[in-house]
Amino acid sequence: MARAHIEEPAPQARLSDGTIARIVPSRFVSGFELDVDGTPQSHVDLDDPTHLHFEYVARMGAVIDRLRMPGQPLSAVHLGAGALTLPRYIEATRPGSRQQVIELEQALVDLVRENLPLPRGAQVRMRIGDARAGLDRLPPALIGNADLLVSDVFAGSQTPAHLTTVEFYRAAARVLAPDGVLLVNVADGSGLAFARRQVATVREVFGHVIVLAEVQLFKGRRFGNLVIAASSSPLPTEWLPRLMASGPHPAKVAQGAELDEFVRGARVATDADSTPSPKPAASVFER
């Protein structure tokens, strides 16, 4: 009599808000996904850390590739750990980079480290705590000198309100070098009211801002992710339109007058009146 095949349960951990984080094999490509209560948070391919499966992460990677000279180590700060996709990418493409990751959930960090270990020798320092409060506890030598700061924080499927305000972005700006770059993952749906407000808020702090996203998403026709890139120095954008048009999915770069129109009428978010990002419908993640 044939013995029934029993699948091993997915590694999981209960987070402080009661949600369950799981690491599951990707159903679509090689590698694994970090899932928190049904929301895919990250994708990691241990055999190829340069494989950036999620579209918005690939767009962040395209910007990171243009920082400094190719292959030059970076000093980077990541707000939100996920499965450490971008720290792995930076370590693979820019060996010797020094990276700090601030994550609220110790259980999540332990789950990822045990089941999706970082490469040996990777200089990635993990700090447990609130992302915004953690900016004030970074090493003094890093303040004003970071090449990159990535804000990609989600509690479940929403970005907490206190990480969307002008006060937060001012704190982020203090960490960056004069030509350092901020990357923000913004999730929004029909009408893009939240995204417009976020762009307006970032522009209140940084003199140079661009937005990268799929063409149809810019039209506010579906839920998805936009990437804001911002700096106090000019961003090298001449290469981006062709790169974005080549994929993943036809995408575009909004800047200048187009962004002026995009944010027209949008209020800057402050600590007094901010809101979390909108919660997506469950159907968004049915693939």
C-alpha atoms as a PDB file:
ATOM      1  CA  MET A   1       0.000   0.000   0.000  1.00  0.00           C
ATOM      2  CA  ALA A   2       1.427   3.361  -1.056  1.00  0.00           C
ATOM      3  CA  ARG A   3       2.345   5.700   1.740  1.00  0.00           C
ATOM      4  CA  ALA A   4       0.566   9.062   1.581  1.00  0.00           C
ATOM      5  CA  HIS A   5       2.776  12.071   0.944  1.00  0.00           C
ATOM      6  CA  ILE A   6       2.722  14.470   3.868  1.00  0.00           C
ATOM      7  CA  GLU A   7       3.816  18.021   3.190  1.00  0.00           C
ATOM      8  CA  GLU A   8       5.937  19.717   5.785  1.00  0.00           C
ATOM      9  CA  PRO A   9       4.157  22.686   7.397  1.00  0.00           C
ATOM     10  CA  ALA A  10       5.448  26.084   6.340  1.00  0.00           C
ATOM     11  CA  PRO A  11       7.779  27.737   8.858  1.00  0.00           C
ATOM     12  CA  GLN A  12       5.805  30.408  10.663  1.00  0.00           C
ATOM     13  CA  ALA A  13       5.830  32.865  13.535  1.00  0.00           C
ATOM     14  CA  ARG A  14       3.172  34.828  15.364  1.00  0.00           C
ATOM     15  CA  LEU A  15       3.810  38.577  15.312  1.00  0.00           C
ATOM     16  CA  SER A  16       2.998  41.028  18.094  1.00  0.00           C
ATOM     17  CA  ASP A  17      -0.344  42.021  16.544  1.00  0.00           C
ATOM     18  CA  GLY A  18      -1.476  38.401  16.360  1.00  0.00           C
ATOM     19  CA  THR A  19      -0.908  37.969  12.632  1.00  0.00           C
ATOM     20  CA  ILE A  20       0.952  34.943  11.295  1.00  0.00           C
ATOM     21  CA  ALA A  21       4.081  35.255   9.152  1.00  0.00           C
ATOM     22  CA  ARG A  22       4.920  32.252   6.972  1.00  0.00           C
ATOM     23  CA  ILE A  23       7.683  31.386   4.552  1.00  0.00           C
ATOM     24  CA  VAL A  24       6.330  29.432   1.604  1.00  0.00           C
ATOM     25  CA  PRO A  25       7.772  28.275  -1.730  1.00  0.00           C
ATOM     26  CA  SER A  26       6.775  30.609  -4.550  1.00  0.00           C
ATOM     27  CA  ARG A  27       4.065  29.109  -6.758  1.00  0.00           C
ATOM     28  CA  PHE A  28       5.235  31.056  -9.793  1.00  0.00           C
ATOM     29  CA  VAL A  29       9.040  31.334  -9.836  1.00  0.00           C
ATOM     30  CA  SER A  30      12.023  29.911  -8.004  1.00  0.00           C
ATOM     31  CA  GLY A  31      12.554  30.958  -4.428  1.00  0.00           C
ATOM     32  CA  PHE A  32      10.344  31.698  -1.433  1.00  0.00           C
ATOM     33  CA  GLU A  33       7.800  34.259  -0.337  1.00  0.00           C
ATOM     34  CA  LEU A  34       7.218  35.807   3.049  1.00  0.00           C
ATOM     35  CA  ASP A  35       3.465  35.917   3.637  1.00  0.00           C
ATOM     36  CA  VAL A  36       1.822  37.798   6.520  1.00  0.00           C
ATOM     37  CA  ASP A  37      -1.851  36.897   7.006  1.00  0.00           C
ATOM     38  CA  GLY A  38      -2.328  36.250   3.303  1.00  0.00           C
ATOM     39  CA  THR A  39      -0.423  39.344   2.123  1.00  0.00           C
ATOM     40  CA  PRO A  40       2.772  38.576   0.157  1.00  0.00           C
ATOM     41  CA  GLN A  41       5.468  40.759   1.727  1.00  0.00           C
ATOM     42  CA  SER A  42       8.717  39.675   0.083  1.00  0.00           C
ATOM     43  CA  HIS A  43      10.253  37.268  -2.401  1.00  0.00           C
ATOM     44  CA  VAL A  44      13.734  35.791  -2.001  1.00  0.00           C
ATOM     45  CA  ASP A  45      15.713  33.512  -4.311  1.00  0.00           C
ATOM     46  CA  LEU A  46      18.598  32.153  -2.246  1.00  0.00           C
ATOM     47  CA  ASP A  47      20.325  30.818  -5.372  1.00  0.00           C
ATOM     48  CA  ASP A  48      20.126  34.201  -7.116  1.00  0.00           C
ATOM     49  CA  PRO A  49      19.795  37.254  -4.817  1.00  0.00           C
ATOM     50  CA  THR A  50      19.663  39.505  -7.900  1.00  0.00           C
ATOM     51  CA  HIS A  51      16.319  37.937  -8.881  1.00  0.00           C
ATOM     52  CA  LEU A  52      13.836  40.663  -7.885  1.00  0.00           C
ATOM     53  CA  HIS A  53      10.440  39.118  -8.577  1.00  0.00           C
ATOM     54  CA  PHE A  54       8.123  41.815  -7.204  1.00  0.00           C
ATOM     55  CA  GLU A  55       7.811  44.601  -9.740  1.00  0.00           C
ATOM     56  CA  TYR A  56       8.178  47.527  -7.373  1.00  0.00           C
ATOM     57  CA  VAL A  57      11.294  45.947  -5.823  1.00  0.00           C
ATOM     58  CA  ALA A  58      12.799  45.564  -9.313  1.00  0.00           C
ATOM     59  CA  ARG A  59      12.228  49.287  -9.858  1.00  0.00           C
ATOM     60  CA  MET A  60      13.937  50.078  -6.573  1.00  0.00           C
ATOM     61  CA  GLY A  61      16.805  47.868  -7.719  1.00  0.00           C
ATOM     62  CA  ALA A  62      17.057  49.839 -10.966  1.00  0.00           C
ATOM     63  CA  VAL A  63      17.567  53.055  -9.000  1.00  0.00           C
ATOM     64  CA  ILE A  64      20.047  51.432  -6.609  1.00  0.00           C
ATOM     65  CA  ASP A  65      22.091  50.200  -9.573  1.00  0.00           C
ATOM     66  CA  ARG A  66      22.747  53.825 -10.564  1.00  0.00           C
ATOM     67  CA  LEU A  67      23.987  55.010  -7.181  1.00  0.00           C
ATOM     68  CA  ARG A  68      27.691  55.821  -7.054  1.00  0.00           C
ATOM     69  CA  MET A  69      29.918  53.768  -9.386  1.00  0.00           C
ATOM     70  CA  PRO A  70      28.806  50.250 -10.430  1.00  0.00           C
ATOM     71  CA  GLY A  71      29.822  47.721  -7.801  1.00  0.00           C
ATOM     72  CA  GLN A  72      30.881  50.386  -5.299  1.00  0.00           C
ATOM     73  CA  PRO A  73      29.893  49.514  -1.716  1.00  0.00           C
ATOM     74  CA  LEU A  74      27.054  51.553  -0.255  1.00  0.00           C
ATOM     75  CA  SER A  75      25.983  52.590   3.211  1.00  0.00           C
ATOM     76  CA  ALA A  76      22.281  51.777   3.353  1.00  0.00           C
ATOM     77  CA  VAL A  77      19.467  51.925   5.895  1.00  0.00           C
ATOM     78  CA  HIS A  78      16.341  49.811   5.439  1.00  0.00           C
ATOM     79  CA  LEU A  79      13.151  50.548   7.355  1.00  0.00           C
ATOM     80  CA  GLY A  80      11.221  47.276   7.444  1.00  0.00           C
ATOM     81  CA  ALA A  81      12.998  43.945   7.109  1.00  0.00           C
ATOM     82  CA  GLY A  82      10.575  41.767   5.164  1.00  0.00           C
ATOM     83  CA  ALA A  83      12.655  38.835   3.979  1.00  0.00           C
ATOM     84  CA  LEU A  84      15.696  41.117   3.484  1.00  0.00           C
ATOM     85  CA  THR A  85      15.351  41.092  -0.302  1.00  0.00           C
ATOM     86  CA  LEU A  86      17.101  44.406  -0.988  1.00  0.00           C
ATOM     87  CA  PRO A  87      19.876  43.941   1.587  1.00  0.00           C
ATOM     88  CA  ARG A  88      20.652  40.629  -0.158  1.00  0.00           C
ATOM     89  CA  TYR A  89      20.558  42.351  -3.554  1.00  0.00           C
ATOM     90  CA  ILE A  90      22.938  45.089  -2.433  1.00  0.00           C
ATOM     91  CA  GLU A  91      25.299  42.562  -0.858  1.00  0.00           C
ATOM     92  CA  ALA A  92      25.342  40.547  -4.121  1.00  0.00           C
ATOM     93  CA  THR A  93      25.836  43.512  -6.446  1.00  0.00           C
ATOM     94  CA  ARG A  94      27.967  45.695  -4.156  1.00  0.00           C
ATOM     95  CA  PRO A  95      30.041  43.468  -1.868  1.00  0.00           C
ATOM     96  CA  GLY A  96      31.369  45.214   1.211  1.00  0.00           C
ATOM     97  CA  SER A  97      28.321  47.432   1.650  1.00  0.00           C
ATOM     98  CA  ARG A  98      27.416  48.328   5.226  1.00  0.00           C
ATOM     99  CA  GLN A  99      23.694  48.023   5.884  1.00  0.00           C
ATOM    100  CA  GLN A 100      21.409  48.711   8.817  1.00  0.00           C
ATOM    101  CA  VAL A 101      17.899  47.211   8.987  1.00  0.00           C
ATOM    102  CA  ILE A 102      15.283  48.463  11.446  1.00  0.00           C
ATOM    103  CA  GLU A 103      12.397  46.063  12.064  1.00  0.00           C
ATOM    104  CA  LEU A 104       9.712  46.120  14.744  1.00  0.00           C
ATOM    105  CA  GLU A 105       9.141  42.363  14.939  1.00  0.00           C
ATOM    106  CA  GLN A 106      11.852  40.226  16.534  1.00  0.00           C
ATOM    107  CA  ALA A 107       9.843  37.095  15.686  1.00  0.00           C
ATOM    108  CA  LEU A 108       9.886  38.025  11.991  1.00  0.00           C
ATOM    109  CA  VAL A 109      13.638  38.592  12.007  1.00  0.00           C
ATOM    110  CA  ASP A 110      14.195  35.237  13.712  1.00  0.00           C
ATOM    111  CA  LEU A 111      11.910  33.455  11.229  1.00  0.00           C
ATOM    112  CA  VAL A 112      13.731  34.901   8.215  1.00  0.00           C
ATOM    113  CA  ARG A 113      17.222  34.399   9.601  1.00  0.00           C
ATOM    114  CA  GLU A 114      16.556  30.749  10.419  1.00  0.00           C
ATOM    115  CA  ASN A 115      14.854  29.788   7.170  1.00  0.00           C
ATOM    116  CA  LEU A 116      16.320  32.243   4.647  1.00  0.00           C
ATOM    117  CA  PRO A 117      19.812  32.905   6.030  1.00  0.00           C
ATOM    118  CA  LEU A 118      21.900  35.814   4.810  1.00  0.00           C
ATOM    119  CA  PRO A 119      25.123  35.079   2.926  1.00  0.00           C
ATOM    120  CA  ARG A 120      28.078  34.474   5.191  1.00  0.00           C
ATOM    121  CA  GLY A 121      30.042  37.667   5.730  1.00  0.00           C
ATOM    122  CA  ALA A 122      27.206  40.024   4.787  1.00  0.00           C
ATOM    123  CA  GLN A 123      27.547  43.251   6.778  1.00  0.00           C
ATOM    124  CA  VAL A 124      23.865  43.635   7.654  1.00  0.00           C
ATOM    125  CA  ARG A 125      23.114  44.888  11.168  1.00  0.00           C
ATOM    126  CA  MET A 126      19.610  44.177  12.473  1.00  0.00           C
ATOM    127  CA  ARG A 127      17.999  46.624  14.915  1.00  0.00           C
ATOM    128  CA  ILE A 128      14.697  45.807  16.605  1.00  0.00           C
ATOM    129  CA  GLY A 129      12.238  48.633  17.174  1.00  0.00           C
ATOM    130  CA  ASP A 130       9.950  51.164  15.565  1.00  0.00           C
ATOM    131  CA  ALA A 131      11.289  52.400  12.230  1.00  0.00           C
ATOM    132  CA  ARG A 132      10.895  56.092  12.952  1.00  0.00           C
ATOM    133  CA  ALA A 133      12.274  55.932  16.484  1.00  0.00           C
ATOM    134  CA  GLY A 134      15.127  53.792  15.175  1.00  0.00           C
ATOM    135  CA  LEU A 135      16.377  56.615  12.954  1.00  0.00           C
ATOM    136  CA  ASP A 136      17.403  58.476  16.123  1.00  0.00           C
ATOM    137  CA  ARG A 137      19.360  55.472  17.378  1.00  0.00           C
ATOM    138  CA  LEU A 138      21.546  54.871  14.335  1.00  0.00           C
ATOM    139  CA  PRO A 139      25.333  55.188  14.756  1.00  0.00           C
ATOM    140  CA  PRO A 140      26.322  58.890  14.847  1.00  0.00           C
ATOM    141  CA  ALA A 141      28.856  58.352  12.052  1.00  0.00           C
ATOM    142  CA  LEU A 142      26.042  57.264   9.725  1.00  0.00           C
ATOM    143  CA  ILE A 143      23.888  60.362  10.245  1.00  0.00           C
ATOM    144  CA  GLY A 144      24.226  62.619   7.238  1.00  0.00           C
ATOM    145  CA  ASN A 145      26.324  60.053   5.394  1.00  0.00           C
ATOM    146  CA  ALA A 146      23.991  57.269   4.193  1.00  0.00           C
ATOM    147  CA  ASP A 147      23.937  56.672   0.435  1.00  0.00           C
ATOM    148  CA  LEU A 148      20.493  55.086   0.556  1.00  0.00           C
ATOM    149  CA  LEU A 149      17.455  54.917   2.827  1.00  0.00           C
ATOM    150  CA  VAL A 150      14.622  52.537   1.905  1.00  0.00           C
ATOM    151  CA  SER A 151      11.215  52.955   3.571  1.00  0.00           C
ATOM    152  CA  ASP A 152       9.133  49.829   2.988  1.00  0.00           C
ATOM    153  CA  VAL A 153       7.219  49.282   6.218  1.00  0.00           C
ATOM    154  CA  PHE A 154       3.905  47.467   6.464  1.00  0.00           C
ATOM    155  CA  ALA A 155       1.836  46.413   9.442  1.00  0.00           C
ATOM    156  CA  GLY A 156      -0.112  43.656   7.718  1.00  0.00           C
ATOM    157  CA  SER A 157      -1.038  45.260   4.389  1.00  0.00           C
ATOM    158  CA  GLN A 158      -0.831  48.926   5.449  1.00  0.00           C
ATOM    159  CA  THR A 159       1.926  51.466   6.050  1.00  0.00           C
ATOM    160  CA  PRO A 160       1.517  52.960   9.547  1.00  0.00           C
ATOM    161  CA  ALA A 161       0.423  56.597   9.602  1.00  0.00           C
ATOM    162  CA  HIS A 162       3.436  57.899  11.534  1.00  0.00           C
ATOM    163  CA  LEU A 163       5.701  56.749   8.677  1.00  0.00           C
ATOM    164  CA  THR A 164       3.910  58.892   6.087  1.00  0.00           C
ATOM    165  CA  THR A 165       4.352  62.423   7.464  1.00  0.00           C
ATOM    166  CA  VAL A 166       6.530  65.421   6.720  1.00  0.00           C
ATOM    167  CA  GLU A 167       8.083  65.072  10.174  1.00  0.00           C
ATOM    168  CA  PHE A 168       9.060  61.486   9.374  1.00  0.00           C
ATOM    169  CA  TYR A 169      10.581  62.424   6.026  1.00  0.00           C
ATOM    170  CA  ARG A 170      12.571  65.230   7.643  1.00  0.00           C
ATOM    171  CA  ALA A 171      14.013  62.670  10.052  1.00  0.00           C
ATOM    172  CA  ALA A 172      14.840  60.420   7.084  1.00  0.00           C
ATOM    173  CA  ALA A 173      16.530  63.288   5.261  1.00  0.00           C
ATOM    174  CA  ARG A 174      18.877  63.884   8.205  1.00  0.00           C
ATOM    175  CA  VAL A 175      20.265  60.355   7.789  1.00  0.00           C
ATOM    176  CA  LEU A 176      21.149  60.797   4.114  1.00  0.00           C
ATOM    177  CA  ALA A 177      24.294  62.251   2.602  1.00  0.00           C
ATOM    178  CA  PRO A 178      23.733  65.432   0.542  1.00  0.00           C
ATOM    179  CA  ASP A 179      23.449  63.283  -2.592  1.00  0.00           C
ATOM    180  CA  GLY A 180      21.908  60.262  -0.846  1.00  0.00           C
ATOM    181  CA  VAL A 181      18.642  58.805  -2.136  1.00  0.00           C
ATOM    182  CA  LEU A 182      15.389  57.964  -0.366  1.00  0.00           C
ATOM    183  CA  LEU A 183      13.234  55.171  -1.823  1.00  0.00           C
ATOM    184  CA  VAL A 184       9.648  54.792  -0.601  1.00  0.00           C
ATOM    185  CA  ASN A 185       7.205  52.007  -1.425  1.00  0.00           C
ATOM    186  CA  VAL A 186       3.688  53.496  -1.627  1.00  0.00           C
ATOM    187  CA  ALA A 187       0.682  51.179  -1.985  1.00  0.00           C
ATOM    188  CA  ASP A 188      -2.563  52.716  -3.206  1.00  0.00           C
ATOM    189  CA  GLY A 189      -5.681  52.028  -5.229  1.00  0.00           C
ATOM    190  CA  SER A 190      -8.317  53.751  -7.329  1.00  0.00           C
ATOM    191  CA  GLY A 191      -7.840  57.503  -7.539  1.00  0.00           C
ATOM    192  CA  LEU A 192      -4.390  57.410  -5.879  1.00  0.00           C
ATOM    193  CA  ALA A 193      -5.394  59.945  -3.214  1.00  0.00           C
ATOM    194  CA  PHE A 194      -2.950  58.500  -0.691  1.00  0.00           C
ATOM    195  CA  ALA A 195      -0.089  58.336  -3.211  1.00  0.00           C
ATOM    196  CA  ARG A 196      -0.664  61.936  -4.337  1.00  0.00           C
ATOM    197  CA  ARG A 197      -0.497  63.074  -0.738  1.00  0.00           C
ATOM    198  CA  GLN A 198       2.680  61.079  -0.158  1.00  0.00           C
ATOM    199  CA  VAL A 199       4.394  62.598  -3.175  1.00  0.00           C
ATOM    200  CA  ALA A 200       3.370  66.079  -2.047  1.00  0.00           C
ATOM    201  CA  THR A 201       4.762  65.339   1.420  1.00  0.00           C
ATOM    202  CA  VAL A 202       8.102  64.029   0.155  1.00  0.00           C
ATOM    203  CA  ARG A 203       8.426  67.073  -2.133  1.00  0.00           C
ATOM    204  CA  GLU A 204       8.025  69.303   0.905  1.00  0.00           C
ATOM    205  CA  VAL A 205      11.347  67.907   2.189  1.00  0.00           C
ATOM    206  CA  PHE A 206      13.391  66.959  -0.890  1.00  0.00           C
ATOM    207  CA  GLY A 207      14.154  69.191  -3.851  1.00  0.00           C
ATOM    208  CA  HIS A 208      14.336  66.394  -6.410  1.00  0.00           C
ATOM    209  CA  VAL A 209      11.593  63.761  -6.617  1.00  0.00           C
ATOM    210  CA  ILE A 210      10.523  61.207  -9.233  1.00  0.00           C
ATOM    211  CA  VAL A 211       7.882  58.467  -9.179  1.00  0.00           C
ATOM    212  CA  LEU A 212       8.168  55.075 -10.889  1.00  0.00           C
ATOM    213  CA  ALA A 213       5.187  52.807 -11.543  1.00  0.00           C
ATOM    214  CA  GLU A 214       3.319  50.769 -14.113  1.00  0.00           C
ATOM    215  CA  VAL A 215       1.566  52.948 -16.695  1.00  0.00           C
ATOM    216  CA  GLN A 216      -1.961  51.762 -15.813  1.00  0.00           C
ATOM    217  CA  LEU A 217      -1.320  52.310 -12.117  1.00  0.00           C
ATOM    218  CA  PHE A 218      -0.508  55.964 -12.746  1.00  0.00           C
ATOM    219  CA  LYS A 219      -3.996  56.286 -14.170  1.00  0.00           C
ATOM    220  CA  GLY A 220      -5.475  55.149 -10.841  1.00  0.00           C
ATOM    221  CA  ARG A 221      -7.255  52.164 -12.346  1.00  0.00           C
ATOM    222  CA  ARG A 222      -6.121  49.462  -9.917  1.00  0.00           C
ATOM    223  CA  PHE A 223      -4.375  48.825  -6.628  1.00  0.00           C
ATOM    224  CA  GLY A 224      -0.608  48.589  -6.760  1.00  0.00           C
ATOM    225  CA  ASN A 225       2.767  49.959  -5.731  1.00  0.00           C
ATOM    226  CA  LEU A 226       4.461  53.185  -6.722  1.00  0.00           C
ATOM    227  CA  VAL A 227       8.100  53.920  -5.919  1.00  0.00           C
ATOM    228  CA  ILE A 228       9.095  57.429  -4.876  1.00  0.00           C
ATOM    229  CA  ALA A 229      12.778  58.295  -5.323  1.00  0.00           C
ATOM    230  CA  ALA A 230      13.940  61.535  -3.715  1.00  0.00           C
ATOM    231  CA  SER A 231      17.164  63.370  -3.016  1.00  0.00           C
ATOM    232  CA  SER A 232      18.452  66.809  -2.089  1.00  0.00           C
ATOM    233  CA  SER A 233      20.647  66.579  -5.203  1.00  0.00           C
ATOM    234  CA  PRO A 234      19.568  66.064  -8.829  1.00  0.00           C
ATOM    235  CA  LEU A 235      18.640  62.493  -9.694  1.00  0.00           C
ATOM    236  CA  PRO A 236      20.164  61.065 -12.904  1.00  0.00           C
ATOM    237  CA  THR A 237      16.929  60.374 -14.764  1.00  0.00           C
ATOM    238  CA  GLU A 238      17.927  60.375 -18.424  1.00  0.00           C
ATOM    239  CA  TRP A 239      18.334  56.585 -18.404  1.00  0.00           C
ATOM    240  CA  LEU A 240      15.127  55.769 -16.562  1.00  0.00           C
ATOM    241  CA  PRO A 241      12.355  56.116 -19.192  1.00  0.00           C
ATOM    242  CA  ARG A 242      13.888  53.523 -21.521  1.00  0.00           C
ATOM    243  CA  LEU A 243      14.663  51.208 -18.606  1.00  0.00           C
ATOM    244  CA  MET A 244      11.152  51.438 -17.193  1.00  0.00           C
ATOM    245  CA  ALA A 245       9.548  50.856 -20.595  1.00  0.00           C
ATOM    246  CA  SER A 246      11.442  47.572 -20.935  1.00  0.00           C
ATOM    247  CA  GLY A 247       9.771  46.002 -17.883  1.00  0.00           C
ATOM    248  CA  PRO A 248       8.695  44.509 -15.613  1.00  0.00           C
ATOM    249  CA  HIS A 249       5.478  45.476 -17.386  1.00  0.00           C
ATOM    250  CA  PRO A 250       5.548  48.753 -19.281  1.00  0.00           C
ATOM    251  CA  ALA A 251       6.259  51.402 -16.677  1.00  0.00           C
ATOM    252  CA  LYS A 252       7.051  55.089 -16.648  1.00  0.00           C
ATOM    253  CA  VAL A 253       8.832  57.795 -14.697  1.00  0.00           C
ATOM    254  CA  ALA A 254       6.895  60.860 -13.606  1.00  0.00           C
ATOM    255  CA  GLN A 255       8.831  64.019 -12.798  1.00  0.00           C
ATOM    256  CA  GLY A 256       8.791  67.788 -13.162  1.00  0.00           C
ATOM    257  CA  ALA A 257       5.595  69.297 -14.548  1.00  0.00           C
ATOM    258  CA  GLU A 258       3.891  65.909 -14.624  1.00  0.00           C
ATOM    259  CA  LEU A 259       4.401  65.526 -10.877  1.00  0.00           C
ATOM    260  CA  ASP A 260       3.188  69.092 -10.349  1.00  0.00           C
ATOM    261  CA  GLU A 261      -0.085  68.039 -11.940  1.00  0.00           C
ATOM    262  CA  PHE A 262      -0.131  64.702 -10.097  1.00  0.00           C
ATOM    263  CA  VAL A 263      -0.042  66.361  -6.666  1.00  0.00           C
ATOM    264  CA  ARG A 264      -2.235  69.348  -7.485  1.00  0.00           C
ATOM    265  CA  GLY A 265      -4.604  69.908  -4.562  1.00  0.00           C
ATOM    266  CA  ALA A 266      -2.967  67.232  -2.366  1.00  0.00           C
ATOM    267  CA  ARG A 267      -2.284  68.246   1.250  1.00  0.00           C
ATOM    268  CA  VAL A 268       1.038  67.577   2.924  1.00  0.00           C
ATOM    269  CA  ALA A 269       0.617  64.875   5.612  1.00  0.00           C
ATOM    270  CA  THR A 270       1.622  65.824   9.149  1.00  0.00           C
ATOM    271  CA  ASP A 271       1.735  64.015  12.464  1.00  0.00           C
ATOM    272  CA  ALA A 272      -1.520  65.764  13.343  1.00  0.00           C
ATOM    273  CA  ASP A 273      -3.587  64.514  10.401  1.00  0.00           C
ATOM    274  CA  SER A 274      -1.852  61.535   8.785  1.00  0.00           C
ATOM    275  CA  THR A 275      -3.549  58.251   7.906  1.00  0.00           C
ATOM    276  CA  PRO A 276      -2.225  54.752   7.160  1.00  0.00           C
ATOM    277  CA  SER A 277      -2.127  53.581   3.577  1.00  0.00           C
ATOM    278  CA  PRO A 278      -5.425  52.151   2.282  1.00  0.00           C
ATOM    279  CA  LYS A 279      -6.098  48.498   2.929  1.00  0.00           C
ATOM    280  CA  PRO A 280      -6.297  46.466  -0.287  1.00  0.00           C
ATOM    281  CA  ALA A 281      -9.111  44.089  -1.039  1.00  0.00           C
ATOM    282  CA  ALA A 282      -8.242  40.421  -0.485  1.00  0.00           C
ATOM    283  CA  SER A 283      -8.690  39.796  -4.228  1.00  0.00           C
ATOM    284  CA  VAL A 284      -5.587  41.896  -4.954  1.00  0.00           C
ATOM    285  CA  PHE A 285      -3.386  39.018  -3.834  1.00  0.00           C
ATOM    286  CA  GLU A 286      -5.213  36.246  -5.694  1.00  0.00           C
ATOM    287  CA  ARG A 287      -2.800  35.268  -8.445  1.00  0.00           C
END
